[in-house]
């Protein structure tokens, strides 16, 4: 895996089970662009056991948190 560049960071609250902001935890999310030759994904986080490759044009529609979507749309043309 090769680091291409930093994409920036943003803050948001974690989501609760109802997809609402859980204000007990404010997160700072740092985003990076990497390049890899790997095709098979192997998630190791038991709370996030699924992973898949997604075409860039489909990412915004799959994001569930408003701030994640806003950040992605802001940096989309940089990737």
PDB file of N, CA and C in Angstrom:
ATOM      1  N   UNK A   1       0.856  -1.168   0.000  1.00  0.00           N
ATOM      2  CA  UNK A   1       0.000   0.000   0.000  1.00  0.00           C
ATOM      3  C   UNK A   1       0.902   1.229   0.000  1.00  0.00           C
ATOM      4  N   UNK A   2       0.534   2.216  -0.801  1.00  0.00           N
ATOM      5  CA  UNK A   2       1.343   3.427  -0.941  1.00  0.00           C
ATOM      6  C   UNK A   2       0.483   4.661  -0.645  1.00  0.00           C
ATOM      7  N   UNK A   3       0.976   5.521   0.242  1.00  0.00           N
ATOM      8  CA  UNK A   3       0.286   6.774   0.548  1.00  0.00           C
ATOM      9  C   UNK A   3       0.445   7.726  -0.632  1.00  0.00           C
ATOM     10  N   UNK A   4      -0.669   8.218  -1.147  1.00  0.00           N
ATOM     11  CA  UNK A   4      -0.650   9.193  -2.235  1.00  0.00           C
ATOM     12  C   UNK A   4      -0.659  10.605  -1.670  1.00  0.00           C
ATOM     13  N   UNK A   5      -1.652  10.906  -0.797  1.00  0.00           N
ATOM     14  CA  UNK A   5      -1.712  12.234  -0.176  1.00  0.00           C
ATOM     15  C   UNK A   5      -2.742  12.277   0.940  1.00  0.00           C
ATOM     16  N   UNK A   6      -2.601  13.290   1.786  1.00  0.00           N
ATOM     17  CA  UNK A   6      -3.603  13.572   2.811  1.00  0.00           C
ATOM     18  C   UNK A   6      -4.768  14.298   2.150  1.00  0.00           C
ATOM     19  N   UNK A   7      -5.978  13.977   2.576  1.00  0.00           N
ATOM     20  CA  UNK A   7      -7.173  14.616   2.013  1.00  0.00           C
ATOM     21  C   UNK A   7      -7.818  15.612   2.966  1.00  0.00           C
ATOM     22  N   UNK A   8      -7.338  15.661   4.206  1.00  0.00           N
ATOM     23  CA  UNK A   8      -7.882  16.609   5.171  1.00  0.00           C
ATOM     24  C   UNK A   8      -8.539  15.907   6.338  1.00  0.00           C
ATOM     25  N   UNK A   9      -9.207  16.689   7.173  1.00  0.00           N
ATOM     26  CA  UNK A   9      -9.877  16.146   8.351  1.00  0.00           C
ATOM     27  C   UNK A   9     -11.136  16.949   8.643  1.00  0.00           C
ATOM     28  N   UNK A  10     -11.992  16.375   9.461  1.00  0.00           N
ATOM     29  CA  UNK A  10     -13.206  17.057   9.898  1.00  0.00           C
ATOM     30  C   UNK A  10     -13.669  16.439  11.208  1.00  0.00           C
ATOM     31  N   UNK A  11     -14.561  17.139  11.904  1.00  0.00           N
ATOM     32  CA  UNK A  11     -15.091  16.664  13.183  1.00  0.00           C
ATOM     33  C   UNK A  11     -16.568  16.331  13.021  1.00  0.00           C
ATOM     34  N   UNK A  12     -16.958  15.273  13.720  1.00  0.00           N
ATOM     35  CA  UNK A  12     -18.374  14.918  13.791  1.00  0.00           C
ATOM     36  C   UNK A  12     -18.602  14.014  14.979  1.00  0.00           C
ATOM     37  N   UNK A  13     -19.860  13.963  15.435  1.00  0.00           N
ATOM     38  CA  UNK A  13     -20.213  13.063  16.526  1.00  0.00           C
ATOM     39  C   UNK A  13     -20.406  11.655  15.977  1.00  0.00           C
ATOM     40  N   UNK A  14     -20.167  10.663  16.840  1.00  0.00           N
ATOM     41  CA  UNK A  14     -20.458   9.291  16.427  1.00  0.00           C
ATOM     42  C   UNK A  14     -21.970   9.156  16.280  1.00  0.00           C
ATOM     43  N   UNK A  15     -22.397   8.125  15.564  1.00  0.00           N
ATOM     44  CA  UNK A  15     -23.820   7.894  15.354  1.00  0.00           C
ATOM     45  C   UNK A  15     -24.337   6.863  16.346  1.00  0.00           C
ATOM     46  N   UNK A  16     -25.597   7.049  16.778  1.00  0.00           N
ATOM     47  CA  UNK A  16     -26.201   6.051  17.648  1.00  0.00           C
ATOM     48  C   UNK A  16     -26.923   5.001  16.792  1.00  0.00           C
ATOM     49  N   UNK A  17     -27.630   4.096  17.423  1.00  0.00           N
ATOM     50  CA  UNK A  17     -28.297   3.018  16.692  1.00  0.00           C
ATOM     51  C   UNK A  17     -29.432   3.509  15.798  1.00  0.00           C
ATOM     52  N   UNK A  18     -29.894   4.746  16.022  1.00  0.00           N
ATOM     53  CA  UNK A  18     -30.958   5.335  15.198  1.00  0.00           C
ATOM     54  C   UNK A  18     -30.403   6.270  14.133  1.00  0.00           C
ATOM     55  N   UNK A  19     -29.075   6.211  13.907  1.00  0.00           N
ATOM     56  CA  UNK A  19     -28.390   7.079  12.935  1.00  0.00           C
ATOM     57  C   UNK A  19     -28.507   8.558  13.282  1.00  0.00           C
ATOM     58  N   UNK A  20     -28.569   8.845  14.579  1.00  0.00           N
ATOM     59  CA  UNK A  20     -28.575  10.216  15.072  1.00  0.00           C
ATOM     60  C   UNK A  20     -27.217  10.496  15.716  1.00  0.00           C
ATOM     61  N   UNK A  21     -26.874  11.787  15.865  1.00  0.00           N
ATOM     62  CA  UNK A  21     -25.620  12.140  16.532  1.00  0.00           C
ATOM     63  C   UNK A  21     -25.666  11.749  18.000  1.00  0.00           C
ATOM     64  N   UNK A  22     -24.639  11.024  18.448  1.00  0.00           N
ATOM     65  CA  UNK A  22     -24.457  10.691  19.859  1.00  0.00           C
ATOM     66  C   UNK A  22     -23.423  11.680  20.386  1.00  0.00           C
ATOM     67  N   UNK A  23     -23.892  12.708  21.063  1.00  0.00           N
ATOM     68  CA  UNK A  23     -23.017  13.813  21.467  1.00  0.00           C
ATOM     69  C   UNK A  23     -22.095  13.461  22.632  1.00  0.00           C
ATOM     70  N   UNK A  24     -22.060  12.199  23.022  1.00  0.00           N
ATOM     71  CA  UNK A  24     -21.127  11.788  24.069  1.00  0.00           C
ATOM     72  C   UNK A  24     -19.713  11.604  23.526  1.00  0.00           C
ATOM     73  N   UNK A  25     -19.579  11.575  22.201  1.00  0.00           N
ATOM     74  CA  UNK A  25     -18.246  11.373  21.619  1.00  0.00           C
ATOM     75  C   UNK A  25     -18.087  12.167  20.324  1.00  0.00           C
ATOM     76  N   UNK A  26     -17.217  13.184  20.376  1.00  0.00           N
ATOM     77  CA  UNK A  26     -16.879  13.963  19.190  1.00  0.00           C
ATOM     78  C   UNK A  26     -15.621  13.369  18.578  1.00  0.00           C
ATOM     79  N   UNK A  27     -15.687  13.030  17.313  1.00  0.00           N
ATOM     80  CA  UNK A  27     -14.555  12.409  16.622  1.00  0.00           C
ATOM     81  C   UNK A  27     -13.885  13.415  15.697  1.00  0.00           C
ATOM     82  N   UNK A  28     -12.584  13.279  15.543  1.00  0.00           N
ATOM     83  CA  UNK A  28     -11.863  13.971  14.478  1.00  0.00           C
ATOM     84  C   UNK A  28     -11.448  12.888  13.494  1.00  0.00           C
ATOM     85  N   UNK A  29     -11.911  13.006  12.270  1.00  0.00           N
ATOM     86  CA  UNK A  29     -11.657  11.998  11.243  1.00  0.00           C
ATOM     87  C   UNK A  29     -10.624  12.536  10.260  1.00  0.00           C
ATOM     88  N   UNK A  30      -9.547  11.800  10.106  1.00  0.00           N
ATOM     89  CA  UNK A  30      -8.475  12.154   9.181  1.00  0.00           C
ATOM     90  C   UNK A  30      -8.578  11.238   7.978  1.00  0.00           C
ATOM     91  N   UNK A  31      -8.534  11.813   6.784  1.00  0.00           N
ATOM     92  CA  UNK A  31      -8.683  11.028   5.558  1.00  0.00           C
ATOM     93  C   UNK A  31      -7.404  11.088   4.726  1.00  0.00           C
ATOM     94  N   UNK A  32      -7.052   9.938   4.160  1.00  0.00           N
ATOM     95  CA  UNK A  32      -5.853   9.806   3.342  1.00  0.00           C
ATOM     96  C   UNK A  32      -6.207   9.036   2.078  1.00  0.00           C
ATOM     97  N   UNK A  33      -5.491   9.302   1.009  1.00  0.00           N
ATOM     98  CA  UNK A  33      -5.651   8.560  -0.238  1.00  0.00           C
ATOM     99  C   UNK A  33      -4.467   7.616  -0.376  1.00  0.00           C
ATOM    100  N   UNK A  34      -4.758   6.325  -0.529  1.00  0.00           N
ATOM    101  CA  UNK A  34      -3.736   5.300  -0.711  1.00  0.00           C
ATOM    102  C   UNK A  34      -3.942   4.613  -2.049  1.00  0.00           C
ATOM    103  N   UNK A  35      -2.889   3.969  -2.522  1.00  0.00           N
ATOM    104  CA  UNK A  35      -2.955   3.138  -3.717  1.00  0.00           C
ATOM    105  C   UNK A  35      -2.567   1.724  -3.301  1.00  0.00           C
ATOM    106  N   UNK A  36      -3.262   0.737  -3.855  1.00  0.00           N
ATOM    107  CA  UNK A  36      -2.950  -0.652  -3.523  1.00  0.00           C
ATOM    108  C   UNK A  36      -3.179  -1.546  -4.733  1.00  0.00           C
ATOM    109  N   UNK A  37      -2.499  -2.659  -4.738  1.00  0.00           N
ATOM    110  CA  UNK A  37      -2.722  -3.685  -5.756  1.00  0.00           C
ATOM    111  C   UNK A  37      -3.669  -4.760  -5.245  1.00  0.00           C
ATOM    112  N   UNK A  38      -4.023  -4.682  -3.973  1.00  0.00           N
ATOM    113  CA  UNK A  38      -4.916  -5.668  -3.361  1.00  0.00           C
ATOM    114  C   UNK A  38      -6.306  -5.574  -3.981  1.00  0.00           C
ATOM    115  N   UNK A  39      -6.922  -6.716  -4.186  1.00  0.00           N
ATOM    116  CA  UNK A  39      -8.299  -6.745  -4.684  1.00  0.00           C
ATOM    117  C   UNK A  39      -9.261  -7.287  -3.643  1.00  0.00           C
ATOM    118  N   UNK A  40      -8.783  -8.210  -2.820  1.00  0.00           N
ATOM    119  CA  UNK A  40      -9.633  -8.803  -1.790  1.00  0.00           C
ATOM    120  C   UNK A  40      -9.472  -8.015  -0.492  1.00  0.00           C
ATOM    121  N   UNK A  41     -10.594  -7.546   0.067  1.00  0.00           N
ATOM    122  CA  UNK A  41     -10.575  -6.804   1.325  1.00  0.00           C
ATOM    123  C   UNK A  41     -10.746  -7.765   2.491  1.00  0.00           C
ATOM    124  N   UNK A  42     -10.027  -7.497   3.594  1.00  0.00           N
ATOM    125  CA  UNK A  42     -10.060  -8.374   4.765  1.00  0.00           C
ATOM    126  C   UNK A  42     -10.262  -7.542   6.032  1.00  0.00           C
ATOM    127  N   UNK A  43     -11.498  -7.096   6.300  1.00  0.00           N
ATOM    128  CA  UNK A  43     -11.744  -6.277   7.490  1.00  0.00           C
ATOM    129  C   UNK A  43     -11.389  -7.040   8.772  1.00  0.00           C
ATOM    130  N   UNK A  44     -10.842  -6.307   9.752  1.00  0.00           N
ATOM    131  CA  UNK A  44     -10.471  -6.936  11.021  1.00  0.00           C
ATOM    132  C   UNK A  44     -11.261  -6.389  12.211  1.00  0.00           C
ATOM    133  N   UNK A  45     -12.067  -5.348  11.999  1.00  0.00           N
ATOM    134  CA  UNK A  45     -12.870  -4.757  13.077  1.00  0.00           C
ATOM    135  C   UNK A  45     -14.174  -5.550  13.204  1.00  0.00           C
ATOM    136  N   UNK A  46     -14.407  -6.228  14.331  1.00  0.00           N
ATOM    137  CA  UNK A  46     -15.627  -7.025  14.470  1.00  0.00           C
ATOM    138  C   UNK A  46     -16.910  -6.196  14.421  1.00  0.00           C
ATOM    139  N   UNK A  47     -16.817  -4.897  14.710  1.00  0.00           N
ATOM    140  CA  UNK A  47     -18.005  -4.032  14.639  1.00  0.00           C
ATOM    141  C   UNK A  47     -18.266  -3.550  13.214  1.00  0.00           C
ATOM    142  N   UNK A  48     -17.297  -3.753  12.332  1.00  0.00           N
ATOM    143  CA  UNK A  48     -17.425  -3.383  10.916  1.00  0.00           C
ATOM    144  C   UNK A  48     -16.879  -4.537  10.074  1.00  0.00           C
ATOM    145  N   UNK A  49     -17.608  -5.655  10.051  1.00  0.00           N
ATOM    146  CA  UNK A  49     -17.071  -6.868   9.433  1.00  0.00           C
ATOM    147  C   UNK A  49     -17.146  -6.923   7.908  1.00  0.00           C
ATOM    148  N   UNK A  50     -17.796  -5.960   7.281  1.00  0.00           N
ATOM    149  CA  UNK A  50     -17.947  -5.999   5.824  1.00  0.00           C
ATOM    150  C   UNK A  50     -17.192  -4.843   5.172  1.00  0.00           C
ATOM    151  N   UNK A  51     -16.624  -5.115   4.016  1.00  0.00           N
ATOM    152  CA  UNK A  51     -15.942  -4.081   3.231  1.00  0.00           C
ATOM    153  C   UNK A  51     -16.126  -4.417   1.757  1.00  0.00           C
ATOM    154  N   UNK A  52     -16.145  -3.383   0.932  1.00  0.00           N
ATOM    155  CA  UNK A  52     -16.253  -3.598  -0.519  1.00  0.00           C
ATOM    156  C   UNK A  52     -15.670  -2.403  -1.243  1.00  0.00           C
ATOM    157  N   UNK A  53     -15.202  -2.638  -2.429  1.00  0.00           N
ATOM    158  CA  UNK A  53     -14.730  -1.561  -3.292  1.00  0.00           C
ATOM    159  C   UNK A  53     -15.952  -0.904  -3.919  1.00  0.00           C
ATOM    160  N   UNK A  54     -15.941   0.426  -3.996  1.00  0.00           N
ATOM    161  CA  UNK A  54     -17.074   1.181  -4.535  1.00  0.00           C
ATOM    162  C   UNK A  54     -16.555   2.187  -5.546  1.00  0.00           C
ATOM    163  N   UNK A  55     -17.241   2.313  -6.663  1.00  0.00           N
ATOM    164  CA  UNK A  55     -16.884   3.315  -7.659  1.00  0.00           C
ATOM    165  C   UNK A  55     -17.067   4.705  -7.058  1.00  0.00           C
ATOM    166  N   UNK A  56     -16.149   5.596  -7.367  1.00  0.00           N
ATOM    167  CA  UNK A  56     -16.180   6.949  -6.792  1.00  0.00           C
ATOM    168  C   UNK A  56     -17.518   7.647  -7.013  1.00  0.00           C
ATOM    169  N   UNK A  57     -18.145   7.421  -8.128  1.00  0.00           N
ATOM    170  CA  UNK A  57     -19.425   8.082  -8.417  1.00  0.00           C
ATOM    171  C   UNK A  57     -20.564   7.604  -7.510  1.00  0.00           C
ATOM    172  N   UNK A  58     -20.374   6.472  -6.827  1.00  0.00           N
ATOM    173  CA  UNK A  58     -21.420   5.907  -5.968  1.00  0.00           C
ATOM    174  C   UNK A  58     -21.218   6.178  -4.476  1.00  0.00           C
ATOM    175  N   UNK A  59     -20.060   6.681  -4.097  1.00  0.00           N
ATOM    176  CA  UNK A  59     -19.718   6.825  -2.678  1.00  0.00           C
ATOM    177  C   UNK A  59     -20.710   7.710  -1.921  1.00  0.00           C
ATOM    178  N   UNK A  60     -20.981   8.900  -2.413  1.00  0.00           N
ATOM    179  CA  UNK A  60     -21.830   9.849  -1.676  1.00  0.00           C
ATOM    180  C   UNK A  60     -23.199   9.265  -1.354  1.00  0.00           C
ATOM    181  N   UNK A  61     -23.743   8.467  -2.254  1.00  0.00           N
ATOM    182  CA  UNK A  61     -25.064   7.870  -2.019  1.00  0.00           C
ATOM    183  C   UNK A  61     -25.036   6.773  -0.963  1.00  0.00           C
ATOM    184  N   UNK A  62     -23.870   6.240  -0.654  1.00  0.00           N
ATOM    185  CA  UNK A  62     -23.768   5.167   0.332  1.00  0.00           C
ATOM    186  C   UNK A  62     -23.434   5.666   1.737  1.00  0.00           C
ATOM    187  N   UNK A  63     -22.929   6.881   1.851  1.00  0.00           N
ATOM    188  CA  UNK A  63     -22.560   7.416   3.155  1.00  0.00           C
ATOM    189  C   UNK A  63     -23.803   7.765   3.959  1.00  0.00           C
ATOM    190  N   UNK A  64     -23.799   7.390   5.243  1.00  0.00           N
ATOM    191  CA  UNK A  64     -24.998   7.591   6.068  1.00  0.00           C
ATOM    192  C   UNK A  64     -24.952   8.838   6.942  1.00  0.00           C
ATOM    193  N   UNK A  65     -23.763   9.336   7.246  1.00  0.00           N
ATOM    194  CA  UNK A  65     -23.674  10.538   8.079  1.00  0.00           C
ATOM    195  C   UNK A  65     -23.540  11.765   7.180  1.00  0.00           C
ATOM    196  N   UNK A  66     -24.320  12.793   7.475  1.00  0.00           N
ATOM    197  CA  UNK A  66     -24.342  14.019   6.677  1.00  0.00           C
ATOM    198  C   UNK A  66     -22.941  14.628   6.527  1.00  0.00           C
ATOM    199  N   UNK A  67     -22.176  14.671   7.608  1.00  0.00           N
ATOM    200  CA  UNK A  67     -20.852  15.288   7.547  1.00  0.00           C
ATOM    201  C   UNK A  67     -19.868  14.452   6.730  1.00  0.00           C
ATOM    202  N   UNK A  68     -20.019  13.125   6.750  1.00  0.00           N
ATOM    203  CA  UNK A  68     -19.167  12.273   5.905  1.00  0.00           C
ATOM    204  C   UNK A  68     -19.438  12.581   4.435  1.00  0.00           C
ATOM    205  N   UNK A  69     -20.702  12.684   4.102  1.00  0.00           N
ATOM    206  CA  UNK A  69     -21.099  12.970   2.719  1.00  0.00           C
ATOM    207  C   UNK A  69     -20.602  14.357   2.291  1.00  0.00           C
ATOM    208  N   UNK A  70     -20.781  15.362   3.145  1.00  0.00           N
ATOM    209  CA  UNK A  70     -20.318  16.721   2.829  1.00  0.00           C
ATOM    210  C   UNK A  70     -18.812  16.746   2.588  1.00  0.00           C
ATOM    211  N   UNK A  71     -18.055  16.056   3.450  1.00  0.00           N
ATOM    212  CA  UNK A  71     -16.602  16.035   3.290  1.00  0.00           C
ATOM    213  C   UNK A  71     -16.218  15.348   1.985  1.00  0.00           C
ATOM    214  N   UNK A  72     -16.824  14.191   1.715  1.00  0.00           N
ATOM    215  CA  UNK A  72     -16.491  13.475   0.486  1.00  0.00           C
ATOM    216  C   UNK A  72     -16.776  14.327  -0.750  1.00  0.00           C
ATOM    217  N   UNK A  73     -17.927  14.971  -0.794  1.00  0.00           N
ATOM    218  CA  UNK A  73     -18.268  15.803  -1.959  1.00  0.00           C
ATOM    219  C   UNK A  73     -17.289  16.956  -2.126  1.00  0.00           C
ATOM    220  N   UNK A  74     -16.752  17.446  -1.029  1.00  0.00           N
ATOM    221  CA  UNK A  74     -15.772  18.552  -1.077  1.00  0.00           C
ATOM    222  C   UNK A  74     -14.437  18.089  -1.656  1.00  0.00           C
ATOM    223  N   UNK A  75     -14.033  16.853  -1.385  1.00  0.00           N
ATOM    224  CA  UNK A  75     -12.703  16.386  -1.832  1.00  0.00           C
ATOM    225  C   UNK A  75     -12.777  15.433  -3.032  1.00  0.00           C
ATOM    226  N   UNK A  76     -13.958  15.130  -3.504  1.00  0.00           N
ATOM    227  CA  UNK A  76     -14.157  14.141  -4.569  1.00  0.00           C
ATOM    228  C   UNK A  76     -13.274  14.391  -5.786  1.00  0.00           C
ATOM    229  N   UNK A  77     -13.139  15.631  -6.202  1.00  0.00           N
ATOM    230  CA  UNK A  77     -12.365  15.945  -7.392  1.00  0.00           C
ATOM    231  C   UNK A  77     -10.854  15.850  -7.158  1.00  0.00           C
ATOM    232  N   UNK A  78     -10.427  15.676  -5.904  1.00  0.00           N
ATOM    233  CA  UNK A  78      -9.011  15.541  -5.583  1.00  0.00           C
ATOM    234  C   UNK A  78      -8.539  14.097  -5.651  1.00  0.00           C
ATOM    235  N   UNK A  79      -9.508  13.176  -5.822  1.00  0.00           N
ATOM    236  CA  UNK A  79      -9.123  11.749  -5.834  1.00  0.00           C
ATOM    237  C   UNK A  79      -9.386  11.112  -7.188  1.00  0.00           C
TER     238      UNK A  79
END
